[in-house]
Amino acid sequence: MFGKPEWFATSGRFGGLSPRTWQGWGYLIGWAGVIGVPTLLLLARGQWLESLVWSVATLALGGWDLFELRRKRRATAAFEDLLVIGDQPHETATTDHYELQLRR
């Protein structure tokens, strides 16, 4: 919804995602601010019910967004390490035992 899967790597932190760019860190810090600041302000005014409703609603929205990011990230992660001949400038691929070259 708001974040991009390219900003994260799959891991065991933050709901299965780990930020790998500054945009990913900004995304997580932004969500913490969206959830935390209004909650603290509402609690300071003595509006505990409103702060509870705000916390639950924004945590649900943020959790859904992280779930979608994780789903998109896992869908694209399988193809990141895939080497296709033609991706290289000279259309060659080298392994431990072979050097492959595209014939035309």
PDB file of N, CA and C in Angstrom:
ATOM      1  N   MET A   1       0.829  -1.182   0.000  1.00  0.00           N
ATOM      2  CA  MET A   1       0.000   0.000   0.000  1.00  0.00           C
ATOM      3  C   MET A   1       0.878   1.253   0.000  1.00  0.00           C
ATOM      4  N   PHE A   2       1.718   1.418   1.020  1.00  0.00           N
ATOM      5  CA  PHE A   2       2.568   2.596   1.090  1.00  0.00           C
ATOM      6  C   PHE A   2       4.028   2.272   0.797  1.00  0.00           C
ATOM      7  N   GLY A   3       4.501   1.123   1.242  1.00  0.00           N
ATOM      8  CA  GLY A   3       5.895   0.739   1.071  1.00  0.00           C
ATOM      9  C   GLY A   3       6.112  -0.051  -0.198  1.00  0.00           C
ATOM     10  N   LYS A   4       7.391  -0.208  -0.557  1.00  0.00           N
ATOM     11  CA  LYS A   4       7.756  -0.988  -1.733  1.00  0.00           C
ATOM     12  C   LYS A   4       8.564  -2.200  -1.302  1.00  0.00           C
ATOM     13  N   PRO A   5       8.334  -3.348  -1.920  1.00  0.00           N
ATOM     14  CA  PRO A   5       9.056  -4.559  -1.529  1.00  0.00           C
ATOM     15  C   PRO A   5      10.567  -4.443  -1.722  1.00  0.00           C
ATOM     16  N   GLU A   6      11.012  -3.594  -2.637  1.00  0.00           N
ATOM     17  CA  GLU A   6      12.447  -3.433  -2.892  1.00  0.00           C
ATOM     18  C   GLU A   6      13.180  -2.827  -1.697  1.00  0.00           C
ATOM     19  N   TRP A   7      12.471  -2.191  -0.811  1.00  0.00           N
ATOM     20  CA  TRP A   7      13.074  -1.556   0.352  1.00  0.00           C
ATOM     21  C   TRP A   7      13.428  -2.552   1.444  1.00  0.00           C
ATOM     22  N   PHE A   8      12.958  -3.806   1.311  1.00  0.00           N
ATOM     23  CA  PHE A   8      13.095  -4.786   2.385  1.00  0.00           C
ATOM     24  C   PHE A   8      13.720  -6.076   1.887  1.00  0.00           C
ATOM     25  N   ALA A   9      14.330  -6.792   2.807  1.00  0.00           N
ATOM     26  CA  ALA A   9      14.816  -8.145   2.567  1.00  0.00           C
ATOM     27  C   ALA A   9      14.036  -9.071   3.499  1.00  0.00           C
ATOM     28  N   THR A  10      13.875 -10.310   3.096  1.00  0.00           N
ATOM     29  CA  THR A  10      13.159 -11.253   3.955  1.00  0.00           C
ATOM     30  C   THR A  10      14.062 -11.679   5.105  1.00  0.00           C
ATOM     31  N   SER A  11      13.504 -11.701   6.300  1.00  0.00           N
ATOM     32  CA  SER A  11      14.246 -12.100   7.494  1.00  0.00           C
ATOM     33  C   SER A  11      13.242 -12.457   8.591  1.00  0.00           C
ATOM     34  N   GLY A  12      13.744 -12.645   9.790  1.00  0.00           N
ATOM     35  CA  GLY A  12      12.887 -12.988  10.909  1.00  0.00           C
ATOM     36  C   GLY A  12      12.432 -11.789  11.721  1.00  0.00           C
ATOM     37  N   ARG A  13      12.845 -10.573  11.326  1.00  0.00           N
ATOM     38  CA  ARG A  13      12.486  -9.381  12.090  1.00  0.00           C
ATOM     39  C   ARG A  13      11.351  -8.622  11.413  1.00  0.00           C
ATOM     40  N   PHE A  14      10.665  -7.797  12.174  1.00  0.00           N
ATOM     41  CA  PHE A  14       9.621  -6.896  11.674  1.00  0.00           C
ATOM     42  C   PHE A  14       8.589  -7.631  10.825  1.00  0.00           C
ATOM     43  N   GLY A  15       8.096  -8.733  11.317  1.00  0.00           N
ATOM     44  CA  GLY A  15       7.071  -9.456  10.581  1.00  0.00           C
ATOM     45  C   GLY A  15       7.603 -10.166   9.355  1.00  0.00           C
ATOM     46  N   GLY A  16       8.848 -10.612   9.382  1.00  0.00           N
ATOM     47  CA  GLY A  16       9.432 -11.329   8.254  1.00  0.00           C
ATOM     48  C   GLY A  16      10.174 -10.447   7.288  1.00  0.00           C
ATOM     49  N   LEU A  17      10.288  -9.166   7.599  1.00  0.00           N
ATOM     50  CA  LEU A  17      10.982  -8.231   6.723  1.00  0.00           C
ATOM     51  C   LEU A  17      12.064  -7.498   7.490  1.00  0.00           C
ATOM     52  N   SER A  18      13.107  -7.146   6.778  1.00  0.00           N
ATOM     53  CA  SER A  18      14.192  -6.362   7.354  1.00  0.00           C
ATOM     54  C   SER A  18      14.524  -5.234   6.383  1.00  0.00           C
ATOM     55  N   PRO A  19      14.542  -3.985   6.843  1.00  0.00           N
ATOM     56  CA  PRO A  19      14.832  -2.885   5.917  1.00  0.00           C
ATOM     57  C   PRO A  19      16.252  -2.983   5.379  1.00  0.00           C
ATOM     58  N   ARG A  20      16.402  -2.749   4.071  1.00  0.00           N
ATOM     59  CA  ARG A  20      17.738  -2.767   3.489  1.00  0.00           C
ATOM     60  C   ARG A  20      18.090  -1.446   2.813  1.00  0.00           C
ATOM     61  N   THR A  21      17.178  -0.502   2.803  1.00  0.00           N
ATOM     62  CA  THR A  21      17.454   0.833   2.273  1.00  0.00           C
ATOM     63  C   THR A  21      16.983   1.875   3.277  1.00  0.00           C
ATOM     64  N   TRP A  22      17.368   3.116   3.051  1.00  0.00           N
ATOM     65  CA  TRP A  22      16.937   4.179   3.963  1.00  0.00           C
ATOM     66  C   TRP A  22      15.429   4.390   3.851  1.00  0.00           C
ATOM     67  N   GLN A  23      14.848   4.089   2.686  1.00  0.00           N
ATOM     68  CA  GLN A  23      13.405   4.230   2.541  1.00  0.00           C
ATOM     69  C   GLN A  23      12.669   3.211   3.417  1.00  0.00           C
ATOM     70  N   GLY A  24      13.232   2.011   3.533  1.00  0.00           N
ATOM     71  CA  GLY A  24      12.628   0.999   4.397  1.00  0.00           C
ATOM     72  C   GLY A  24      12.652   1.411   5.854  1.00  0.00           C
ATOM     73  N   TRP A  25      13.802   1.972   6.286  1.00  0.00           N
ATOM     74  CA  TRP A  25      13.880   2.464   7.668  1.00  0.00           C
ATOM     75  C   TRP A  25      12.922   3.626   7.889  1.00  0.00           C
ATOM     76  N   GLY A  26      12.833   4.518   6.908  1.00  0.00           N
ATOM     77  CA  GLY A  26      11.894   5.640   7.014  1.00  0.00           C
ATOM     78  C   GLY A  26      10.451   5.176   7.076  1.00  0.00           C
ATOM     79  N   TYR A  27      10.136   4.140   6.320  1.00  0.00           N
ATOM     80  CA  TYR A  27       8.793   3.568   6.333  1.00  0.00           C
ATOM     81  C   TYR A  27       8.441   3.046   7.725  1.00  0.00           C
ATOM     82  N   LEU A  28       9.357   2.279   8.335  1.00  0.00           N
ATOM     83  CA  LEU A  28       9.088   1.725   9.669  1.00  0.00           C
ATOM     84  C   LEU A  28       9.024   2.812  10.735  1.00  0.00           C
ATOM     85  N   ILE A  29       9.916   3.786  10.664  1.00  0.00           N
ATOM     86  CA  ILE A  29       9.897   4.894  11.627  1.00  0.00           C
ATOM     87  C   ILE A  29       8.634   5.728  11.450  1.00  0.00           C
ATOM     88  N   GLY A  30       8.215   5.912  10.204  1.00  0.00           N
ATOM     89  CA  GLY A  30       6.976   6.646   9.938  1.00  0.00           C
ATOM     90  C   GLY A  30       5.759   5.951  10.531  1.00  0.00           C
ATOM     91  N   TRP A  31       5.696   4.624  10.378  1.00  0.00           N
ATOM     92  CA  TRP A  31       4.574   3.891  10.974  1.00  0.00           C
ATOM     93  C   TRP A  31       4.612   3.971  12.491  1.00  0.00           C
ATOM     94  N   ALA A  32       5.809   3.907  13.068  1.00  0.00           N
ATOM     95  CA  ALA A  32       5.908   4.026  14.532  1.00  0.00           C
ATOM     96  C   ALA A  32       5.390   5.389  14.992  1.00  0.00           C
ATOM     97  N   GLY A  33       5.703   6.438  14.218  1.00  0.00           N
ATOM     98  CA  GLY A  33       5.211   7.773  14.553  1.00  0.00           C
ATOM     99  C   GLY A  33       3.707   7.897  14.391  1.00  0.00           C
ATOM    100  N   VAL A  34       3.174   7.327  13.325  1.00  0.00           N
ATOM    101  CA  VAL A  34       1.723   7.379  13.076  1.00  0.00           C
ATOM    102  C   VAL A  34       0.960   6.654  14.174  1.00  0.00           C
ATOM    103  N   ILE A  35       1.536   5.572  14.672  1.00  0.00           N
ATOM    104  CA  ILE A  35       0.862   4.816  15.730  1.00  0.00           C
ATOM    105  C   ILE A  35       1.104   5.460  17.098  1.00  0.00           C
ATOM    106  N   GLY A  36       2.355   5.813  17.383  1.00  0.00           N
ATOM    107  CA  GLY A  36       2.724   6.221  18.731  1.00  0.00           C
ATOM    108  C   GLY A  36       2.366   7.635  19.130  1.00  0.00           C
ATOM    109  N   VAL A  37       2.612   8.612  18.253  1.00  0.00           N
ATOM    110  CA  VAL A  37       2.410  10.018  18.638  1.00  0.00           C
ATOM    111  C   VAL A  37       0.946  10.321  18.967  1.00  0.00           C
ATOM    112  N   PRO A  38      -0.010  10.014  18.088  1.00  0.00           N
ATOM    113  CA  PRO A  38      -1.407  10.291  18.468  1.00  0.00           C
ATOM    114  C   PRO A  38      -1.859   9.512  19.695  1.00  0.00           C
ATOM    115  N   THR A  39      -1.363   8.280  19.844  1.00  0.00           N
ATOM    116  CA  THR A  39      -1.737   7.494  21.018  1.00  0.00           C
ATOM    117  C   THR A  39      -1.273   8.185  22.296  1.00  0.00           C
ATOM    118  N   LEU A  40      -0.024   8.642  22.307  1.00  0.00           N
ATOM    119  CA  LEU A  40       0.494   9.335  23.488  1.00  0.00           C
ATOM    120  C   LEU A  40      -0.233  10.654  23.744  1.00  0.00           C
ATOM    121  N   LEU A  41      -0.554  11.382  22.685  1.00  0.00           N
ATOM    122  CA  LEU A  41      -1.288  12.647  22.852  1.00  0.00           C
ATOM    123  C   LEU A  41      -2.695  12.406  23.412  1.00  0.00           C
ATOM    124  N   LEU A  42      -3.356  11.382  22.912  1.00  0.00           N
ATOM    125  CA  LEU A  42      -4.685  11.067  23.429  1.00  0.00           C
ATOM    126  C   LEU A  42      -4.626  10.609  24.883  1.00  0.00           C
ATOM    127  N   LEU A  43      -3.605   9.821  25.225  1.00  0.00           N
ATOM    128  CA  LEU A  43      -3.451   9.396  26.619  1.00  0.00           C
ATOM    129  C   LEU A  43      -3.149  10.583  27.529  1.00  0.00           C
ATOM    130  N   ALA A  44      -2.364  11.558  27.041  1.00  0.00           N
ATOM    131  CA  ALA A  44      -2.046  12.738  27.845  1.00  0.00           C
ATOM    132  C   ALA A  44      -3.295  13.569  28.131  1.00  0.00           C
ATOM    133  N   ARG A  45      -4.275  13.522  27.222  1.00  0.00           N
ATOM    134  CA  ARG A  45      -5.526  14.256  27.423  1.00  0.00           C
ATOM    135  C   ARG A  45      -6.543  13.450  28.223  1.00  0.00           C
ATOM    136  N   GLY A  46      -6.184  12.227  28.597  1.00  0.00           N
ATOM    137  CA  GLY A  46      -7.092  11.403  29.373  1.00  0.00           C
ATOM    138  C   GLY A  46      -8.108  10.653  28.529  1.00  0.00           C
ATOM    139  N   GLN A  47      -7.908  10.585  27.241  1.00  0.00           N
ATOM    140  CA  GLN A  47      -8.839   9.897  26.344  1.00  0.00           C
ATOM    141  C   GLN A  47      -8.317   8.483  26.078  1.00  0.00           C
ATOM    142  N   TRP A  48      -8.421   7.625  27.066  1.00  0.00           N
ATOM    143  CA  TRP A  48      -7.858   6.292  26.948  1.00  0.00           C
ATOM    144  C   TRP A  48      -8.617   5.428  25.952  1.00  0.00           C
ATOM    145  N   LEU A  49      -9.937   5.600  25.849  1.00  0.00           N
ATOM    146  CA  LEU A  49     -10.715   4.805  24.908  1.00  0.00           C
ATOM    147  C   LEU A  49     -10.360   5.169  23.461  1.00  0.00           C
ATOM    148  N   GLU A  50     -10.241   6.464  23.190  1.00  0.00           N
ATOM    149  CA  GLU A  50      -9.875   6.903  21.846  1.00  0.00           C
ATOM    150  C   GLU A  50      -8.458   6.451  21.485  1.00  0.00           C
ATOM    151  N   SER A  51      -7.554   6.500  22.480  1.00  0.00           N
ATOM    152  CA  SER A  51      -6.185   6.052  22.203  1.00  0.00           C
ATOM    153  C   SER A  51      -6.150   4.552  21.923  1.00  0.00           C
ATOM    154  N   LEU A  52      -6.988   3.795  22.604  1.00  0.00           N
ATOM    155  CA  LEU A  52      -7.064   2.353  22.355  1.00  0.00           C
ATOM    156  C   LEU A  52      -7.607   2.076  20.958  1.00  0.00           C
ATOM    157  N   VAL A  53      -8.661   2.789  20.576  1.00  0.00           N
ATOM    158  CA  VAL A  53      -9.242   2.616  19.243  1.00  0.00           C
ATOM    159  C   VAL A  53      -8.225   3.001  18.171  1.00  0.00           C
ATOM    160  N   TRP A  54      -7.528   4.126  18.356  1.00  0.00           N
ATOM    161  CA  TRP A  54      -6.517   4.561  17.393  1.00  0.00           C
ATOM    162  C   TRP A  54      -5.395   3.534  17.276  1.00  0.00           C
ATOM    163  N   SER A  55      -4.926   3.038  18.414  1.00  0.00           N
ATOM    164  CA  SER A  55      -3.838   2.056  18.396  1.00  0.00           C
ATOM    165  C   SER A  55      -4.236   0.784  17.676  1.00  0.00           C
ATOM    166  N   VAL A  56      -5.411   0.265  17.980  1.00  0.00           N
ATOM    167  CA  VAL A  56      -5.865  -0.976  17.348  1.00  0.00           C
ATOM    168  C   VAL A  56      -6.063  -0.771  15.849  1.00  0.00           C
ATOM    169  N   ALA A  57      -6.671   0.335  15.457  1.00  0.00           N
ATOM    170  CA  ALA A  57      -6.936   0.582  14.039  1.00  0.00           C
ATOM    171  C   ALA A  57      -5.636   0.756  13.249  1.00  0.00           C
ATOM    172  N   THR A  58      -4.710   1.550  13.766  1.00  0.00           N
ATOM    173  CA  THR A  58      -3.468   1.772  13.021  1.00  0.00           C
ATOM    174  C   THR A  58      -2.563   0.543  13.054  1.00  0.00           C
ATOM    175  N   LEU A  59      -2.557  -0.208  14.140  1.00  0.00           N
ATOM    176  CA  LEU A  59      -1.785  -1.452  14.160  1.00  0.00           C
ATOM    177  C   LEU A  59      -2.349  -2.459  13.165  1.00  0.00           C
ATOM    178  N   ALA A  60      -3.659  -2.516  13.030  1.00  0.00           N
ATOM    179  CA  ALA A  60      -4.266  -3.417  12.049  1.00  0.00           C
ATOM    180  C   ALA A  60      -3.910  -2.989  10.632  1.00  0.00           C
ATOM    181  N   LEU A  61      -3.981  -1.706  10.359  1.00  0.00           N
ATOM    182  CA  LEU A  61      -3.633  -1.199   9.035  1.00  0.00           C
ATOM    183  C   LEU A  61      -2.151  -1.415   8.735  1.00  0.00           C
ATOM    184  N   GLY A  62      -1.287  -1.120   9.689  1.00  0.00           N
ATOM    185  CA  GLY A  62       0.146  -1.342   9.507  1.00  0.00           C
ATOM    186  C   GLY A  62       0.491  -2.810   9.364  1.00  0.00           C
ATOM    187  N   GLY A  63      -0.167  -3.665  10.117  1.00  0.00           N
ATOM    188  CA  GLY A  63       0.050  -5.102  10.003  1.00  0.00           C
ATOM    189  C   GLY A  63      -0.381  -5.638   8.652  1.00  0.00           C
ATOM    190  N   TRP A  64      -1.510  -5.151   8.157  1.00  0.00           N
ATOM    191  CA  TRP A  64      -1.969  -5.562   6.835  1.00  0.00           C
ATOM    192  C   TRP A  64      -0.987  -5.107   5.760  1.00  0.00           C
ATOM    193  N   ASP A  65      -0.475  -3.884   5.891  1.00  0.00           N
ATOM    194  CA  ASP A  65       0.480  -3.364   4.924  1.00  0.00           C
ATOM    195  C   ASP A  65       1.778  -4.188   4.948  1.00  0.00           C
ATOM    196  N   LEU A  66       2.270  -4.542   6.137  1.00  0.00           N
ATOM    197  CA  LEU A  66       3.458  -5.386   6.228  1.00  0.00           C
ATOM    198  C   LEU A  66       3.204  -6.777   5.665  1.00  0.00           C
ATOM    199  N   PHE A  67       1.998  -7.313   5.865  1.00  0.00           N
ATOM    200  CA  PHE A  67       1.649  -8.607   5.294  1.00  0.00           C
ATOM    201  C   PHE A  67       1.700  -8.557   3.770  1.00  0.00           C
ATOM    202  N   GLU A  68       1.156  -7.499   3.183  1.00  0.00           N
ATOM    203  CA  GLU A  68       1.188  -7.342   1.728  1.00  0.00           C
ATOM    204  C   GLU A  68       2.619  -7.171   1.214  1.00  0.00           C
ATOM    205  N   LEU A  69       3.428  -6.400   1.925  1.00  0.00           N
ATOM    206  CA  LEU A  69       4.833  -6.240   1.529  1.00  0.00           C
ATOM    207  C   LEU A  69       5.571  -7.574   1.578  1.00  0.00           C
ATOM    208  N   ARG A  70       5.336  -8.335   2.636  1.00  0.00           N
ATOM    209  CA  ARG A  70       5.990  -9.636   2.767  1.00  0.00           C
ATOM    210  C   ARG A  70       5.553 -10.572   1.647  1.00  0.00           C
ATOM    211  N   ARG A  71       4.285 -10.558   1.292  1.00  0.00           N
ATOM    212  CA  ARG A  71       3.774 -11.405   0.218  1.00  0.00           C
ATOM    213  C   ARG A  71       4.418 -11.027  -1.115  1.00  0.00           C
ATOM    214  N   LYS A  72       4.495  -9.730  -1.409  1.00  0.00           N
ATOM    215  CA  LYS A  72       5.107  -9.274  -2.660  1.00  0.00           C
ATOM    216  C   LYS A  72       6.607  -9.557  -2.673  1.00  0.00           C
ATOM    217  N   ARG A  73       7.252  -9.383  -1.520  1.00  0.00           N
ATOM    218  CA  ARG A  73       8.696  -9.613  -1.428  1.00  0.00           C
ATOM    219  C   ARG A  73       9.032 -11.080  -1.660  1.00  0.00           C
ATOM    220  N   ARG A  74       8.264 -11.977  -1.085  1.00  0.00           N
ATOM    221  CA  ARG A  74       8.522 -13.410  -1.272  1.00  0.00           C
ATOM    222  C   ARG A  74       8.233 -13.845  -2.704  1.00  0.00           C
ATOM    223  N   ALA A  75       7.272 -13.203  -3.349  1.00  0.00           N
ATOM    224  CA  ALA A  75       6.964 -13.551  -4.736  1.00  0.00           C
ATOM    225  C   ALA A  75       8.109 -13.170  -5.669  1.00  0.00           C
ATOM    226  N   THR A  76       8.790 -12.073  -5.380  1.00  0.00           N
ATOM    227  CA  THR A  76       9.890 -11.636  -6.239  1.00  0.00           C
ATOM    228  C   THR A  76      11.241 -12.177  -5.788  1.00  0.00           C
ATOM    229  N   ALA A  77      11.368 -12.640  -4.542  1.00  0.00           N
ATOM    230  CA  ALA A  77      12.655 -13.104  -4.029  1.00  0.00           C
ATOM    231  C   ALA A  77      13.136 -14.355  -4.741  1.00  0.00           C
ATOM    232  N   ALA A  78      12.231 -15.180  -5.219  1.00  0.00           N
ATOM    233  CA  ALA A  78      12.628 -16.414  -5.888  1.00  0.00           C
ATOM    234  C   ALA A  78      13.364 -16.134  -7.192  1.00  0.00           C
ATOM    235  N   PHE A  79      13.130 -15.000  -7.814  1.00  0.00           N
ATOM    236  CA  PHE A  79      13.731 -14.701  -9.099  1.00  0.00           C
ATOM    237  C   PHE A  79      14.953 -13.794  -9.008  1.00  0.00           C
ATOM    238  N   GLU A  80      15.312 -13.323  -7.829  1.00  0.00           N
ATOM    239  CA  GLU A  80      16.446 -12.406  -7.710  1.00  0.00           C
ATOM    240  C   GLU A  80      17.778 -13.074  -7.994  1.00  0.00           C
ATOM    241  N   ASP A  81      17.948 -14.329  -7.586  1.00  0.00           N
ATOM    242  CA  ASP A  81      19.205 -15.022  -7.780  1.00  0.00           C
ATOM    243  C   ASP A  81      19.226 -15.843  -9.064  1.00  0.00           C
ATOM    244  N   LEU A  82      18.228 -15.723  -9.886  1.00  0.00           N
ATOM    245  CA  LEU A  82      18.139 -16.476 -11.120  1.00  0.00           C
ATOM    246  C   LEU A  82      18.999 -15.805 -12.177  1.00  0.00           C
ATOM    247  N   LEU A  83      19.916 -16.562 -12.763  1.00  0.00           N
ATOM    248  CA  LEU A  83      20.785 -16.052 -13.815  1.00  0.00           C
ATOM    249  C   LEU A  83      20.266 -16.526 -15.154  1.00  0.00           C
ATOM    250  N   VAL A  84      20.019 -15.611 -16.022  1.00  0.00           N
ATOM    251  CA  VAL A  84      19.561 -15.930 -17.361  1.00  0.00           C
ATOM    252  C   VAL A  84      20.639 -15.477 -18.325  1.00  0.00           C
ATOM    253  N   ILE A  85      21.020 -16.367 -19.240  1.00  0.00           N
ATOM    254  CA  ILE A  85      22.018 -15.970 -20.230  1.00  0.00           C
ATOM    255  C   ILE A  85      21.417 -14.854 -21.061  1.00  0.00           C
ATOM    256  N   GLY A  86      22.133 -13.798 -21.183  1.00  0.00           N
ATOM    257  CA  GLY A  86      21.629 -12.621 -21.859  1.00  0.00           C
ATOM    258  C   GLY A  86      21.602 -11.427 -20.924  1.00  0.00           C
ATOM    259  N   ASP A  87      21.668 -11.684 -19.607  1.00  0.00           N
ATOM    260  CA  ASP A  87      21.731 -10.597 -18.642  1.00  0.00           C
ATOM    261  C   ASP A  87      23.115  -9.962 -18.630  1.00  0.00           C
ATOM    262  N   GLN A  88      24.124 -10.733 -19.009  1.00  0.00           N
ATOM    263  CA  GLN A  88      25.513 -10.262 -19.004  1.00  0.00           C
ATOM    264  C   GLN A  88      25.766  -9.453 -20.276  1.00  0.00           C
ATOM    265  N   PRO A  89      26.736  -8.550 -20.251  1.00  0.00           N
ATOM    266  CA  PRO A  89      27.004  -7.737 -21.442  1.00  0.00           C
ATOM    267  C   PRO A  89      27.454  -8.567 -22.650  1.00  0.00           C
ATOM    268  N   HIS A  90      28.222  -9.646 -22.413  1.00  0.00           N
ATOM    269  CA  HIS A  90      28.725 -10.450 -23.523  1.00  0.00           C
ATOM    270  C   HIS A  90      27.954 -11.743 -23.681  1.00  0.00           C
ATOM    271  N   GLU A  91      26.838 -11.848 -23.022  1.00  0.00           N
ATOM    272  CA  GLU A  91      25.965 -13.009 -23.084  1.00  0.00           C
ATOM    273  C   GLU A  91      26.698 -14.292 -22.735  1.00  0.00           C
ATOM    274  N   THR A  92      27.489 -14.261 -21.643  1.00  0.00           N
ATOM    275  CA  THR A  92      28.159 -15.444 -21.121  1.00  0.00           C
ATOM    276  C   THR A  92      27.764 -15.626 -19.665  1.00  0.00           C
ATOM    277  N   ALA A  93      27.862 -16.867 -19.235  1.00  0.00           N
ATOM    278  CA  ALA A  93      27.602 -17.188 -17.841  1.00  0.00           C
ATOM    279  C   ALA A  93      28.698 -18.134 -17.385  1.00  0.00           C
ATOM    280  N   THR A  94      29.255 -17.892 -16.212  1.00  0.00           N
ATOM    281  CA  THR A  94      30.341 -18.712 -15.705  1.00  0.00           C
ATOM    282  C   THR A  94      29.909 -19.378 -14.409  1.00  0.00           C
ATOM    283  N   THR A  95      30.162 -20.687 -14.321  1.00  0.00           N
ATOM    284  CA  THR A  95      29.918 -21.425 -13.092  1.00  0.00           C
ATOM    285  C   THR A  95      31.265 -21.918 -12.576  1.00  0.00           C
ATOM    286  N   ASP A  96      31.246 -22.749 -11.535  1.00  0.00           N
ATOM    287  CA  ASP A  96      32.500 -23.285 -10.999  1.00  0.00           C
ATOM    288  C   ASP A  96      33.218 -24.180 -12.009  1.00  0.00           C
ATOM    289  N   HIS A  97      32.463 -24.870 -12.837  1.00  0.00           N
ATOM    290  CA  HIS A  97      33.066 -25.848 -13.738  1.00  0.00           C
ATOM    291  C   HIS A  97      32.936 -25.509 -15.212  1.00  0.00           C
ATOM    292  N   TYR A  98      32.042 -24.615 -15.565  1.00  0.00           N
ATOM    293  CA  TYR A  98      31.780 -24.354 -16.992  1.00  0.00           C
ATOM    294  C   TYR A  98      31.708 -22.853 -17.268  1.00  0.00           C
ATOM    295  N   GLU A  99      31.983 -22.543 -18.506  1.00  0.00           N
ATOM    296  CA  GLU A  99      31.733 -21.188 -19.001  1.00  0.00           C
ATOM    297  C   GLU A  99      30.796 -21.334 -20.193  1.00  0.00           C
ATOM    298  N   LEU A 100      29.632 -20.760 -20.085  1.00  0.00           N
ATOM    299  CA  LEU A 100      28.621 -20.899 -21.111  1.00  0.00           C
ATOM    300  C   LEU A 100      28.563 -19.631 -21.940  1.00  0.00           C
ATOM    301  N   GLN A 101      28.400 -19.817 -23.244  1.00  0.00           N
ATOM    302  CA  GLN A 101      28.326 -18.664 -24.130  1.00  0.00           C
ATOM    303  C   GLN A 101      27.197 -18.897 -25.118  1.00  0.00           C
ATOM    304  N   LEU A 102      26.445 -17.864 -25.387  1.00  0.00           N
ATOM    305  CA  LEU A 102      25.315 -17.953 -26.282  1.00  0.00           C
ATOM    306  C   LEU A 102      25.806 -17.964 -27.728  1.00  0.00           C
ATOM    307  N   ARG A 103      25.373 -18.964 -28.504  1.00  0.00           N
ATOM    308  CA  ARG A 103      25.681 -19.017 -29.933  1.00  0.00           C
ATOM    309  C   ARG A 103      24.520 -18.478 -30.742  1.00  0.00           C
ATOM    310  N   ARG A 104      24.854 -17.797 -31.792  1.00  0.00           N
ATOM    311  CA  ARG A 104      23.792 -17.282 -32.682  1.00  0.00           C
ATOM    312  C   ARG A 104      23.953 -17.849 -34.042  1.00  0.00           C
TER     313      ARG A 104
END
